[in-house]
C-alpha atoms as a PDB file:
ATOM      1  CA  MET A   1       0.039  -0.024  -0.012  1.00  0.00           C
ATOM      2  CA  PHE A   2       2.812   2.355   0.909  1.00  0.00           C
ATOM      3  CA  ILE A   3       4.771   1.585  -2.256  1.00  0.00           C
ATOM      4  CA  LYS A   4       1.724   2.317  -4.469  1.00  0.00           C
ATOM      5  CA  SER A   5       1.022   5.616  -2.868  1.00  0.00           C
ATOM      6  CA  PHE A   6       4.788   6.502  -2.850  1.00  0.00           C
ATOM      7  CA  ASN A   7       4.918   5.826  -6.631  1.00  0.00           C
ATOM      8  CA  LYS A   8       2.046   8.257  -7.126  1.00  0.00           C
ATOM      9  CA  LEU A   9       4.005  11.165  -5.601  1.00  0.00           C
ATOM     10  CA  ASN A  10       5.929  13.574  -7.834  1.00  0.00           C
ATOM     11  CA  ARG A  11       9.651  13.520  -8.003  1.00  0.00           C
ATOM     12  CA  HIS A  12      10.071  16.598  -5.766  1.00  0.00           C
ATOM     13  CA  THR A  13       8.054  15.231  -2.952  1.00  0.00           C
ATOM     14  CA  LYS A  14      10.101  11.863  -3.074  1.00  0.00           C
ATOM     15  CA  ILE A  15      13.343  13.867  -2.795  1.00  0.00           C
ATOM     16  CA  ALA A  16      11.968  15.912   0.182  1.00  0.00           C
ATOM     17  CA  ILE A  17      10.988  12.718   2.000  1.00  0.00           C
ATOM     18  CA  PHE A  18      14.518  11.314   1.827  1.00  0.00           C
ATOM     19  CA  ILE A  19      16.333  14.669   2.488  1.00  0.00           C
ATOM     20  CA  ALA A  20      14.237  15.915   5.407  1.00  0.00           C
ATOM     21  CA  PRO A  21      15.697  13.437   8.108  1.00  0.00           C
ATOM     22  CA  ILE A  22      19.337  14.272   6.873  1.00  0.00           C
ATOM     23  CA  LEU A  23      18.663  18.010   7.242  1.00  0.00           C
ATOM     24  CA  MET A  24      17.055  17.486  10.681  1.00  0.00           C
ATOM     25  CA  ILE A  25      20.145  15.669  11.870  1.00  0.00           C
ATOM     26  CA  LEU A  26      22.528  18.351  10.383  1.00  0.00           C
ATOM     27  CA  GLY A  27      20.395  20.962  11.963  1.00  0.00           C
ATOM     28  CA  PHE A  28      20.660  19.334  15.368  1.00  0.00           C
ATOM     29  CA  ALA A  29      24.432  18.976  15.078  1.00  0.00           C
ATOM     30  CA  ALA A  30      24.884  22.625  13.935  1.00  0.00           C
ATOM     31  CA  SER A  31      22.760  23.932  16.787  1.00  0.00           C
ATOM     32  CA  ASP A  32      24.712  21.893  19.353  1.00  0.00           C
ATOM     33  CA  LEU A  33      28.013  23.243  18.007  1.00  0.00           C
ATOM     34  CA  TRP A  34      26.661  26.939  18.117  1.00  0.00           C
ATOM     35  CA  ILE A  35      25.442  26.418  21.798  1.00  0.00           C
ATOM     36  CA  SER A  36      28.748  24.967  22.911  1.00  0.00           C
ATOM     37  CA  ASN A  37      30.673  27.901  21.166  1.00  0.00           C
ATOM     38  CA  LYS A  38      28.429  30.397  22.818  1.00  0.00           C
ATOM     39  CA  ALA A  39      29.165  28.766  26.327  1.00  0.00           C
ATOM     40  CA  GLU A  40      32.990  29.262  25.790  1.00  0.00           C
ATOM     41  CA  GLU A  41      32.728  32.955  24.959  1.00  0.00           C
ATOM     42  CA  ALA A  42      34.246  35.187  27.600  1.00  0.00           C
ATOM     43  CA  ARG A  43      31.709  36.536  30.069  1.00  0.00           C
ATOM     44  CA  PHE A  44      32.446  39.297  32.580  1.00  0.00           C
ATOM     45  CA  PHE A  45      30.582  39.966  35.751  1.00  0.00           C
ATOM     46  CA  GLU A  46      31.266  42.893  38.099  1.00  0.00           C
ATOM     47  CA  MET A  47      31.457  42.211  41.937  1.00  0.00           C
ATOM     48  CA  LYS A  48      30.658  44.902  44.440  1.00  0.00           C
ATOM     49  CA  ALA A  49      31.580  45.134  48.097  1.00  0.00           C
ATOM     50  CA  GLU A  50      28.470  44.367  50.270  1.00  0.00           C
ATOM     51  CA  SER A  51      29.222  47.020  52.882  1.00  0.00           C
ATOM     52  CA  GLN A  52      30.460  50.591  52.482  1.00  0.00           C
ATOM     53  CA  ASN A  53      33.646  49.832  54.435  1.00  0.00           C
ATOM     54  CA  CYS A  54      35.379  46.798  53.198  1.00  0.00           C
ATOM     55  CA  ASP A  55      38.081  45.651  55.829  1.00  0.00           C
ATOM     56  CA  ILE A  56      40.166  42.623  54.680  1.00  0.00           C
ATOM     57  CA  VAL A  57      42.408  42.735  57.833  1.00  0.00           C
ATOM     58  CA  ASN A  58      39.533  42.516  60.274  1.00  0.00           C
ATOM     59  CA  ASP A  59      37.534  39.977  58.154  1.00  0.00           C
ATOM     60  CA  LYS A  60      34.798  42.380  57.096  1.00  0.00           C
ATOM     61  CA  CYS A  61      35.038  42.217  53.227  1.00  0.00           C
ATOM     62  CA  ILE A  62      32.397  40.372  51.261  1.00  0.00           C
ATOM     63  CA  LEU A  63      32.175  40.849  47.390  1.00  0.00           C
ATOM     64  CA  SER A  64      28.964  39.780  45.560  1.00  0.00           C
ATOM     65  CA  SER A  65      27.447  39.516  42.239  1.00  0.00           C
ATOM     66  CA  GLY A  66      24.019  38.090  42.471  1.00  0.00           C
ATOM     67  CA  GLU A  67      24.028  34.870  44.510  1.00  0.00           C
ATOM     68  CA  PHE A  68      27.844  34.475  44.050  1.00  0.00           C
ATOM     69  CA  LYS A  69      29.710  35.839  47.077  1.00  0.00           C
ATOM     70  CA  ILE A  70      33.431  35.912  48.024  1.00  0.00           C
ATOM     71  CA  SER A  71      34.824  36.735  51.408  1.00  0.00           C
ATOM     72  CA  VAL A  72      38.346  38.138  51.465  1.00  0.00           C
ATOM     73  CA  TYR A  73      40.111  38.183  54.703  1.00  0.00           C
ATOM     74  CA  GLU A  74      43.651  37.904  56.413  1.00  0.00           C
ATOM     75  CA  GLN A  75      44.245  34.810  58.440  1.00  0.00           C
ATOM     76  CA  GLU A  76      47.506  33.743  59.938  1.00  0.00           C
ATOM     77  CA  GLY A  77      49.614  35.799  57.526  1.00  0.00           C
ATOM     78  CA  LEU A  78      47.728  34.646  54.441  1.00  0.00           C
ATOM     79  CA  THR A  79      45.186  36.543  52.455  1.00  0.00           C
ATOM     80  CA  THR A  80      42.391  34.110  52.122  1.00  0.00           C
ATOM     81  CA  LEU A  81      39.330  33.810  49.828  1.00  0.00           C
ATOM     82  CA  ASN A  82      36.132  31.893  50.587  1.00  0.00           C
ATOM     83  CA  SER A  83      33.590  31.704  47.798  1.00  0.00           C
ATOM     84  CA  THR A  84      30.006  30.265  47.522  1.00  0.00           C
ATOM     85  CA  PHE A  85      30.847  28.537  44.246  1.00  0.00           C
ATOM     86  CA  PRO A  86      34.005  26.664  43.352  1.00  0.00           C
ATOM     87  CA  LEU A  87      36.576  28.833  41.579  1.00  0.00           C
ATOM     88  CA  ASP A  88      38.819  27.756  38.690  1.00  0.00           C
ATOM     89  CA  THR A  89      41.423  30.525  39.326  1.00  0.00           C
ATOM     90  CA  ALA A  90      41.694  33.697  41.588  1.00  0.00           C
ATOM     91  CA  THR A  91      44.149  36.570  41.219  1.00  0.00           C
ATOM     92  CA  LEU A  92      44.368  39.463  43.694  1.00  0.00           C
ATOM     93  CA  PHE A  93      46.093  42.810  42.737  1.00  0.00           C
ATOM     94  CA  LEU A  94      47.370  45.263  45.364  1.00  0.00           C
ATOM     95  CA  VAL A  95      47.619  48.790  43.822  1.00  0.00           C
ATOM     96  CA  ASP A  96      49.886  51.481  44.898  1.00  0.00           C
ATOM     97  CA  GLU A  97      49.513  55.256  44.868  1.00  0.00           C
ATOM     98  CA  ASN A  98      50.905  55.401  41.262  1.00  0.00           C
ATOM     99  CA  GLU A  99      48.210  52.839  40.052  1.00  0.00           C
ATOM    100  CA  GLN A 100      50.986  50.138  39.705  1.00  0.00           C
ATOM    101  CA  ALA A 101      49.344  46.805  40.495  1.00  0.00           C
ATOM    102  CA  THR A 102      51.242  43.844  41.956  1.00  0.00           C
ATOM    103  CA  ALA A 103      49.570  40.504  41.067  1.00  0.00           C
ATOM    104  CA  TYR A 104      49.214  37.683  43.569  1.00  0.00           C
ATOM    105  CA  ARG A 105      48.020  34.403  42.064  1.00  0.00           C
ATOM    106  CA  MET A 106      45.929  32.697  44.717  1.00  0.00           C
ATOM    107  CA  GLY A 107      46.547  28.931  45.288  1.00  0.00           C
ATOM    108  CA  MET A 108      43.730  26.432  46.290  1.00  0.00           C
ATOM    109  CA  LYS A 109      43.740  25.829  49.998  1.00  0.00           C
ATOM    110  CA  ASP A 110      41.608  22.769  50.921  1.00  0.00           C
ATOM    111  CA  SER A 111      39.016  22.912  48.102  1.00  0.00           C
ATOM    112  CA  PRO A 112      38.076  25.083  45.160  1.00  0.00           C
ATOM    113  CA  TYR A 113      35.950  27.143  47.564  1.00  0.00           C
ATOM    114  CA  TYR A 114      39.142  28.255  49.510  1.00  0.00           C
ATOM    115  CA  TRP A 115      42.087  30.108  48.024  1.00  0.00           C
ATOM    116  CA  TYR A 116      45.079  31.783  49.656  1.00  0.00           C
ATOM    117  CA  GLN A 117      48.392  33.628  49.091  1.00  0.00           C
ATOM    118  CA  VAL A 118      50.935  35.462  51.143  1.00  0.00           C
ATOM    119  CA  THR A 119      50.469  39.131  50.571  1.00  0.00           C
ATOM    120  CA  PRO A 120      51.756  42.347  52.216  1.00  0.00           C
ATOM    121  CA  ILE A 121      48.197  43.651  52.868  1.00  0.00           C
ATOM    122  CA  ALA A 122      48.374  43.000  56.600  1.00  0.00           C
ATOM    123  CA  SER A 123      51.598  45.067  57.032  1.00  0.00           C
ATOM    124  CA  GLN A 124      50.345  47.841  54.578  1.00  0.00           C
ATOM    125  CA  ALA A 125      46.939  48.235  56.168  1.00  0.00           C
ATOM    126  CA  GLN A 126      47.840  47.576  59.890  1.00  0.00           C
ATOM    127  CA  PHE A 127      46.997  51.045  61.250  1.00  0.00           C
ATOM    128  CA  PRO A 128      43.405  52.304  61.731  1.00  0.00           C
ATOM    129  CA  ASP A 129      41.957  54.104  58.724  1.00  0.00           C
ATOM    130  CA  SER A 130      44.717  52.920  56.368  1.00  0.00           C
ATOM    131  CA  GLN A 131      43.511  52.220  52.883  1.00  0.00           C
ATOM    132  CA  GLN A 132      44.655  49.694  50.243  1.00  0.00           C
ATOM    133  CA  LYS A 133      43.266  49.675  46.724  1.00  0.00           C
ATOM    134  CA  VAL A 134      42.588  46.010  45.623  1.00  0.00           C
ATOM    135  CA  ARG A 135      41.568  44.486  42.303  1.00  0.00           C
ATOM    136  CA  PHE A 136      40.355  41.024  42.091  1.00  0.00           C
ATOM    137  CA  ILE A 137      39.615  38.573  39.217  1.00  0.00           C
ATOM    138  CA  ALA A 138      38.165  35.031  39.668  1.00  0.00           C
ATOM    139  CA  THR A 139      37.138  32.604  36.970  1.00  0.00           C
ATOM    140  CA  VAL A 140      34.280  30.297  37.381  1.00  0.00           C
ATOM    141  CA  LYS A 141      33.285  27.974  34.473  1.00  0.00           C
ATOM    142  CA  GLY A 142      34.610  30.339  31.857  1.00  0.00           C
ATOM    143  CA  GLY A 143      32.998  33.547  33.426  1.00  0.00           C
ATOM    144  CA  GLN A 144      35.260  36.166  34.864  1.00  0.00           C
ATOM    145  CA  TYR A 145      34.288  37.972  38.047  1.00  0.00           C
ATOM    146  CA  ILE A 146      36.000  41.265  38.613  1.00  0.00           C
ATOM    147  CA  ALA A 147      36.115  43.724  41.334  1.00  0.00           C
ATOM    148  CA  GLU A 148      37.983  46.916  42.386  1.00  0.00           C
ATOM    149  CA  PHE A 149      37.558  48.276  45.900  1.00  0.00           C
ATOM    150  CA  TYR A 150      39.346  49.948  48.773  1.00  0.00           C
ATOM    151  CA  SER A 151      40.116  47.881  52.008  1.00  0.00           C
ATOM    152  CA  THR A 152      39.969  50.408  54.856  1.00  0.00           C
ATOM    153  CA  THR A 153      41.190  49.096  58.210  1.00  0.00           C
ATOM    154  CA  SER A 154      38.658  49.933  60.918  1.00  0.00           C
ATOM    155  CA  GLY A 155      39.772  51.675  64.109  1.00  0.00           C
ATOM    156  CA  GLY A 156      38.941  48.926  66.503  1.00  0.00           C
END
């Protein structure tokens, strides 16, 4: 029955019946390639300090971007980061009065949620009301989270 009705179709309809599944598979593969390429594009997100006075030395500095938060603090001579999502990389920059930045590549502590590095921030910001300009870049699944803020040591 199918063959009789198939023979009654014109040539263009027969070709369309054979080519449609091939085009569907190629379209699916092309859309998958396009989506994976889009996922690998660089994405940048700005992080802001949650409070007006960010104080790394006294453990009062939380950066956030939506639900993603990073706490930056000084602990036992190490500048430490604690994030709500696992980080791929983290770099802290201390900026001097001449806008020259010194990079400190953070190393993973116990898990991708904790990162640390020895920095001079504790000695540079040890006195009350001393300020240190800090820049921060973290990568999470291809997205880059950036922040620039001042750490002001509180008086108490």
